[in-house]
Amino acid sequence: MVTLRWHLSFWLLGLGAGISPLQAEQFISLAEAQKLCFTNATRFEEMSFRLTREEMRAVESHAKVKVRKPMVKAWRAWEDTNLVGIVWFDQVVGKHELIDYVVAINWAGEVQQVEIIAYRENYGGQVRRRDWLNQFKGKTASAPVSVGADIHNITGATLSCRHITEGIKRVLAIFQQVRGRVVDAAPSGLQKHP
């Protein structure tokens, strides 16, 4: 009887149906990631907007990566009245599950930092290692960014490495396309610092 209950419980949890019982492993909160990306920021101003079809086509053409969602979610990072950068939230599929991460971009259009917020795969979590993520620092929309050439691969996390790299290329291309909307839309009289 105990064995039957255990098997029934196992099946009801989805394990018997081949569904992974894993929940997202939340490494840090979005607010913590923002502060790690721009340590001097005194506040973060949320902004979201929809990419136009033309912008999506331009991003896909430039980055050679599909735009999954036209909605963009980002936060302007402010140090008092100085606009210091943007923190972009994005998601990519690792092998089967979504990976939540942020990319901090300064006004020169360079990656300042990447932080993995949540990782849902059974393996491949090494992509959150600082030495791997630091490879993206300084990358721009025009810089070569590809696994195996500019970004080293991690054995056991090949798809996660590739998809995060492609996601960062997409984020950089989006920033390049909408920079005027994001940066120049800041209230007048405020300073923008690279």
C-alpha atoms as a PDB file:
ATOM      1  CA  MET A   1       0.000   0.000   0.000  1.00  0.00           C
ATOM      2  CA  VAL A   2       2.805   2.413   0.881  1.00  0.00           C
ATOM      3  CA  THR A   3       4.547   1.591  -2.417  1.00  0.00           C
ATOM      4  CA  LEU A   4       1.325   2.231  -4.355  1.00  0.00           C
ATOM      5  CA  ARG A   5       0.871   5.618  -2.640  1.00  0.00           C
ATOM      6  CA  TRP A   6       4.490   6.539  -3.365  1.00  0.00           C
ATOM      7  CA  HIS A   7       4.083   5.655  -7.057  1.00  0.00           C
ATOM      8  CA  LEU A   8       0.801   7.568  -7.232  1.00  0.00           C
ATOM      9  CA  SER A   9       2.374  10.607  -5.552  1.00  0.00           C
ATOM     10  CA  PHE A  10       5.346  10.363  -7.913  1.00  0.00           C
ATOM     11  CA  TRP A  11       3.044  10.276 -10.933  1.00  0.00           C
ATOM     12  CA  LEU A  12       0.805  13.083  -9.664  1.00  0.00           C
ATOM     13  CA  LEU A  13       3.828  15.334  -9.218  1.00  0.00           C
ATOM     14  CA  GLY A  14       4.440  14.929 -12.915  1.00  0.00           C
ATOM     15  CA  LEU A  15       7.551  12.824 -12.518  1.00  0.00           C
ATOM     16  CA  GLY A  16       5.884   9.752 -13.927  1.00  0.00           C
ATOM     17  CA  ALA A  17       4.721  11.741 -16.959  1.00  0.00           C
ATOM     18  CA  GLY A  18       8.271  12.872 -17.803  1.00  0.00           C
ATOM     19  CA  ILE A  19       7.651  16.425 -16.598  1.00  0.00           C
ATOM     20  CA  SER A  20      10.505  17.875 -14.609  1.00  0.00           C
ATOM     21  CA  PRO A  21       9.570  18.843 -11.054  1.00  0.00           C
ATOM     22  CA  LEU A  22      12.200  21.574 -11.041  1.00  0.00           C
ATOM     23  CA  GLN A  23      11.215  25.088 -10.223  1.00  0.00           C
ATOM     24  CA  ALA A  24      13.267  28.059 -11.302  1.00  0.00           C
ATOM     25  CA  GLU A  25      16.356  28.447  -9.208  1.00  0.00           C
ATOM     26  CA  GLN A  26      16.277  32.134  -8.386  1.00  0.00           C
ATOM     27  CA  PHE A  27      19.860  33.264  -7.903  1.00  0.00           C
ATOM     28  CA  ILE A  28      19.186  36.936  -7.308  1.00  0.00           C
ATOM     29  CA  SER A  29      16.227  39.270  -7.542  1.00  0.00           C
ATOM     30  CA  LEU A  30      15.825  41.755 -10.353  1.00  0.00           C
ATOM     31  CA  ALA A  31      16.497  44.618  -7.903  1.00  0.00           C
ATOM     32  CA  GLU A  32      19.708  42.932  -6.732  1.00  0.00           C
ATOM     33  CA  ALA A  33      20.814  42.395 -10.342  1.00  0.00           C
ATOM     34  CA  GLN A  34      20.194  46.064 -11.137  1.00  0.00           C
ATOM     35  CA  LYS A  35      22.346  47.172  -8.192  1.00  0.00           C
ATOM     36  CA  LEU A  36      25.128  44.760  -9.197  1.00  0.00           C
ATOM     37  CA  CYS A  37      25.098  46.183 -12.714  1.00  0.00           C
ATOM     38  CA  PHE A  38      25.118  49.860 -11.722  1.00  0.00           C
ATOM     39  CA  THR A  39      26.476  50.048  -8.178  1.00  0.00           C
ATOM     40  CA  ASN A  40      26.314  53.861  -8.012  1.00  0.00           C
ATOM     41  CA  ALA A  41      22.712  54.085  -9.212  1.00  0.00           C
ATOM     42  CA  THR A  42      20.339  55.743  -6.786  1.00  0.00           C
ATOM     43  CA  ARG A  43      17.184  54.673  -8.634  1.00  0.00           C
ATOM     44  CA  PHE A  44      15.917  52.626 -11.561  1.00  0.00           C
ATOM     45  CA  GLU A  45      13.131  53.879 -13.810  1.00  0.00           C
ATOM     46  CA  GLU A  46      11.128  51.108 -15.482  1.00  0.00           C
ATOM     47  CA  MET A  47      10.199  51.461 -19.117  1.00  0.00           C
ATOM     48  CA  SER A  48       8.563  49.076 -21.516  1.00  0.00           C
ATOM     49  CA  PHE A  49       7.651  49.501 -25.128  1.00  0.00           C
ATOM     50  CA  ARG A  50       6.770  47.535 -28.227  1.00  0.00           C
ATOM     51  CA  LEU A  51       9.199  47.125 -31.109  1.00  0.00           C
ATOM     52  CA  THR A  52       7.757  48.005 -34.503  1.00  0.00           C
ATOM     53  CA  ARG A  53       7.849  45.413 -37.286  1.00  0.00           C
ATOM     54  CA  GLU A  54      10.585  47.432 -38.980  1.00  0.00           C
ATOM     55  CA  GLU A  55      12.661  47.495 -35.791  1.00  0.00           C
ATOM     56  CA  MET A  56      12.201  43.748 -35.340  1.00  0.00           C
ATOM     57  CA  ARG A  57      13.321  43.089 -38.920  1.00  0.00           C
ATOM     58  CA  ALA A  58      16.353  45.360 -38.469  1.00  0.00           C
ATOM     59  CA  VAL A  59      17.321  43.623 -35.211  1.00  0.00           C
ATOM     60  CA  GLU A  60      16.953  40.167 -36.765  1.00  0.00           C
ATOM     61  CA  SER A  61      18.949  41.211 -39.818  1.00  0.00           C
ATOM     62  CA  HIS A  62      21.758  42.728 -37.752  1.00  0.00           C
ATOM     63  CA  ALA A  63      21.973  40.140 -34.948  1.00  0.00           C
ATOM     64  CA  LYS A  64      21.022  37.103 -37.056  1.00  0.00           C
ATOM     65  CA  VAL A  65      18.791  36.123 -34.138  1.00  0.00           C
ATOM     66  CA  LYS A  66      14.990  35.937 -34.063  1.00  0.00           C
ATOM     67  CA  VAL A  67      13.107  38.466 -31.918  1.00  0.00           C
ATOM     68  CA  ARG A  68      10.874  36.281 -29.747  1.00  0.00           C
ATOM     69  CA  LYS A  69       8.684  39.043 -28.294  1.00  0.00           C
ATOM     70  CA  PRO A  70       8.090  42.573 -29.515  1.00  0.00           C
ATOM     71  CA  MET A  71       7.691  43.861 -25.938  1.00  0.00           C
ATOM     72  CA  VAL A  72      10.890  45.198 -24.378  1.00  0.00           C
ATOM     73  CA  LYS A  73      11.359  45.658 -20.651  1.00  0.00           C
ATOM     74  CA  ALA A  74      14.212  47.806 -19.408  1.00  0.00           C
ATOM     75  CA  TRP A  75      15.174  50.153 -16.606  1.00  0.00           C
ATOM     76  CA  ARG A  76      17.059  53.420 -16.877  1.00  0.00           C
ATOM     77  CA  ALA A  77      19.735  53.579 -14.186  1.00  0.00           C
ATOM     78  CA  TRP A  78      20.062  56.989 -12.534  1.00  0.00           C
ATOM     79  CA  GLU A  79      22.740  58.325 -10.231  1.00  0.00           C
ATOM     80  CA  ASP A  80      20.866  61.286  -8.784  1.00  0.00           C
ATOM     81  CA  THR A  81      20.139  63.364 -11.921  1.00  0.00           C
ATOM     82  CA  ASN A  82      22.691  61.543 -14.094  1.00  0.00           C
ATOM     83  CA  LEU A  83      21.494  58.846 -16.454  1.00  0.00           C
ATOM     84  CA  VAL A  84      24.227  56.176 -16.269  1.00  0.00           C
ATOM     85  CA  GLY A  85      22.853  53.309 -18.340  1.00  0.00           C
ATOM     86  CA  ILE A  86      20.124  50.817 -19.068  1.00  0.00           C
ATOM     87  CA  VAL A  87      19.377  47.416 -17.560  1.00  0.00           C
ATOM     88  CA  TRP A  88      17.581  45.130 -20.053  1.00  0.00           C
ATOM     89  CA  PHE A  89      15.608  42.093 -18.909  1.00  0.00           C
ATOM     90  CA  ASP A  90      15.566  39.160 -21.318  1.00  0.00           C
ATOM     91  CA  GLN A  91      14.802  35.458 -21.428  1.00  0.00           C
ATOM     92  CA  VAL A  92      16.207  32.690 -23.598  1.00  0.00           C
ATOM     93  CA  VAL A  93      15.559  28.969 -23.685  1.00  0.00           C
ATOM     94  CA  GLY A  94      18.533  26.992 -22.360  1.00  0.00           C
ATOM     95  CA  LYS A  95      17.977  23.456 -23.597  1.00  0.00           C
ATOM     96  CA  HIS A  96      14.329  23.138 -22.614  1.00  0.00           C
ATOM     97  CA  GLU A  97      13.629  25.787 -19.985  1.00  0.00           C
ATOM     98  CA  LEU A  98      13.778  29.586 -19.795  1.00  0.00           C
ATOM     99  CA  ILE A  99      16.791  31.433 -18.424  1.00  0.00           C
ATOM    100  CA  ASP A 100      16.071  34.906 -17.008  1.00  0.00           C
ATOM    101  CA  TYR A 101      18.928  37.391 -17.182  1.00  0.00           C
ATOM    102  CA  VAL A 102      19.728  41.083 -17.450  1.00  0.00           C
ATOM    103  CA  VAL A 103      22.212  42.946 -19.607  1.00  0.00           C
ATOM    104  CA  ALA A 104      23.514  46.315 -18.406  1.00  0.00           C
ATOM    105  CA  ILE A 105      24.477  48.639 -21.258  1.00  0.00           C
ATOM    106  CA  ASN A 106      26.248  51.964 -20.855  1.00  0.00           C
ATOM    107  CA  TRP A 107      25.721  54.989 -23.123  1.00  0.00           C
ATOM    108  CA  ALA A 108      28.588  53.955 -25.377  1.00  0.00           C
ATOM    109  CA  GLY A 109      26.424  50.937 -26.236  1.00  0.00           C
ATOM    110  CA  GLU A 110      28.786  48.528 -24.451  1.00  0.00           C
ATOM    111  CA  VAL A 111      27.836  45.664 -22.191  1.00  0.00           C
ATOM    112  CA  GLN A 112      28.753  46.688 -18.684  1.00  0.00           C
ATOM    113  CA  GLN A 113      27.562  43.525 -16.967  1.00  0.00           C
ATOM    114  CA  VAL A 114      25.406  40.416 -17.378  1.00  0.00           C
ATOM    115  CA  GLU A 115      23.602  38.746 -14.473  1.00  0.00           C
ATOM    116  CA  ILE A 116      21.682  35.462 -14.515  1.00  0.00           C
ATOM    117  CA  ILE A 117      18.562  35.891 -12.407  1.00  0.00           C
ATOM    118  CA  ALA A 118      16.900  32.462 -12.703  1.00  0.00           C
ATOM    119  CA  TYR A 119      18.014  29.170 -14.233  1.00  0.00           C
ATOM    120  CA  ARG A 120      15.602  26.267 -14.684  1.00  0.00           C
ATOM    121  CA  GLU A 121      17.621  23.470 -16.316  1.00  0.00           C
ATOM    122  CA  ASN A 122      18.836  20.332 -14.530  1.00  0.00           C
ATOM    123  CA  TYR A 123      22.402  21.004 -15.669  1.00  0.00           C
ATOM    124  CA  GLY A 124      24.463  23.737 -17.306  1.00  0.00           C
ATOM    125  CA  GLY A 125      24.177  26.234 -14.466  1.00  0.00           C
ATOM    126  CA  GLN A 126      27.873  27.018 -14.945  1.00  0.00           C
ATOM    127  CA  VAL A 127      26.738  29.824 -17.275  1.00  0.00           C
ATOM    128  CA  ARG A 128      26.332  31.977 -14.209  1.00  0.00           C
ATOM    129  CA  ARG A 129      30.053  31.787 -13.421  1.00  0.00           C
ATOM    130  CA  ARG A 130      31.552  35.260 -13.328  1.00  0.00           C
ATOM    131  CA  ASP A 131      34.482  34.335 -15.617  1.00  0.00           C
ATOM    132  CA  TRP A 132      32.055  33.199 -18.324  1.00  0.00           C
ATOM    133  CA  LEU A 133      29.732  36.213 -18.005  1.00  0.00           C
ATOM    134  CA  ASN A 134      32.663  38.668 -17.961  1.00  0.00           C
ATOM    135  CA  GLN A 135      33.458  37.711 -21.571  1.00  0.00           C
ATOM    136  CA  PHE A 136      30.566  39.939 -22.657  1.00  0.00           C
ATOM    137  CA  LYS A 137      31.903  43.108 -21.002  1.00  0.00           C
ATOM    138  CA  GLY A 138      32.662  45.792 -23.556  1.00  0.00           C
ATOM    139  CA  LYS A 139      30.797  44.006 -26.376  1.00  0.00           C
ATOM    140  CA  THR A 140      28.717  46.236 -28.657  1.00  0.00           C
ATOM    141  CA  ALA A 141      26.182  45.623 -31.410  1.00  0.00           C
ATOM    142  CA  SER A 142      29.000  45.787 -33.973  1.00  0.00           C
ATOM    143  CA  ALA A 143      31.404  43.504 -32.068  1.00  0.00           C
ATOM    144  CA  PRO A 144      31.745  39.831 -32.950  1.00  0.00           C
ATOM    145  CA  VAL A 145      29.814  37.820 -30.349  1.00  0.00           C
ATOM    146  CA  SER A 146      29.651  34.087 -31.020  1.00  0.00           C
ATOM    147  CA  VAL A 147      30.262  30.928 -29.025  1.00  0.00           C
ATOM    148  CA  GLY A 148      33.425  29.165 -30.078  1.00  0.00           C
ATOM    149  CA  ALA A 149      35.037  32.280 -31.530  1.00  0.00           C
ATOM    150  CA  ASP A 150      34.742  35.220 -29.105  1.00  0.00           C
ATOM    151  CA  ILE A 151      32.853  33.512 -26.287  1.00  0.00           C
ATOM    152  CA  HIS A 152      34.123  30.192 -24.974  1.00  0.00           C
ATOM    153  CA  ASN A 153      31.753  27.275 -24.595  1.00  0.00           C
ATOM    154  CA  ILE A 154      31.155  25.363 -21.369  1.00  0.00           C
ATOM    155  CA  THR A 155      30.984  21.583 -21.715  1.00  0.00           C
ATOM    156  CA  GLY A 156      27.585  20.419 -20.488  1.00  0.00           C
ATOM    157  CA  ALA A 157      26.047  23.839 -21.076  1.00  0.00           C
ATOM    158  CA  THR A 158      26.504  24.210 -24.829  1.00  0.00           C
ATOM    159  CA  LEU A 159      22.925  25.204 -25.655  1.00  0.00           C
ATOM    160  CA  SER A 160      22.651  27.567 -22.684  1.00  0.00           C
ATOM    161  CA  CYS A 161      25.949  29.218 -23.723  1.00  0.00           C
ATOM    162  CA  ARG A 162      24.801  29.579 -27.317  1.00  0.00           C
ATOM    163  CA  HIS A 163      21.330  30.879 -26.459  1.00  0.00           C
ATOM    164  CA  ILE A 164      22.511  33.401 -23.851  1.00  0.00           C
ATOM    165  CA  THR A 165      25.110  34.653 -26.340  1.00  0.00           C
ATOM    166  CA  GLU A 166      22.454  34.997 -29.049  1.00  0.00           C
ATOM    167  CA  GLY A 167      20.169  36.761 -26.571  1.00  0.00           C
ATOM    168  CA  ILE A 168      22.865  39.282 -25.697  1.00  0.00           C
ATOM    169  CA  LYS A 169      23.476  39.906 -29.418  1.00  0.00           C
ATOM    170  CA  ARG A 170      19.732  40.525 -29.802  1.00  0.00           C
ATOM    171  CA  VAL A 171      19.623  42.899 -26.801  1.00  0.00           C
ATOM    172  CA  LEU A 172      22.575  44.886 -28.182  1.00  0.00           C
ATOM    173  CA  ALA A 173      20.910  45.116 -31.606  1.00  0.00           C
ATOM    174  CA  ILE A 174      17.654  46.252 -29.982  1.00  0.00           C
ATOM    175  CA  PHE A 175      19.529  48.911 -27.997  1.00  0.00           C
ATOM    176  CA  GLN A 176      21.124  50.146 -31.216  1.00  0.00           C
ATOM    177  CA  GLN A 177      17.698  50.319 -32.927  1.00  0.00           C
ATOM    178  CA  VAL A 178      15.810  52.064 -30.129  1.00  0.00           C
ATOM    179  CA  ARG A 179      18.613  54.087 -28.541  1.00  0.00           C
ATOM    180  CA  GLY A 180      16.893  57.371 -29.382  1.00  0.00           C
ATOM    181  CA  ARG A 181      13.675  56.211 -27.749  1.00  0.00           C
ATOM    182  CA  VAL A 182      15.491  55.034 -24.645  1.00  0.00           C
ATOM    183  CA  VAL A 183      18.250  57.574 -24.138  1.00  0.00           C
ATOM    184  CA  ASP A 184      16.966  60.722 -25.769  1.00  0.00           C
ATOM    185  CA  ALA A 185      13.551  60.324 -24.162  1.00  0.00           C
ATOM    186  CA  ALA A 186      15.123  61.122 -20.795  1.00  0.00           C
ATOM    187  CA  PRO A 187      13.823  64.343 -19.266  1.00  0.00           C
ATOM    188  CA  SER A 188      15.657  67.420 -20.559  1.00  0.00           C
ATOM    189  CA  GLY A 189      18.205  69.096 -18.360  1.00  0.00           C
ATOM    190  CA  LEU A 190      19.468  65.816 -16.972  1.00  0.00           C
ATOM    191  CA  GLN A 191      22.986  64.577 -17.625  1.00  0.00           C
ATOM    192  CA  LYS A 192      23.825  61.373 -19.478  1.00  0.00           C
ATOM    193  CA  HIS A 193      27.138  59.810 -18.510  1.00  0.00           C
ATOM    194  CA  PRO A 194      28.841  56.959 -20.394  1.00  0.00           C
END
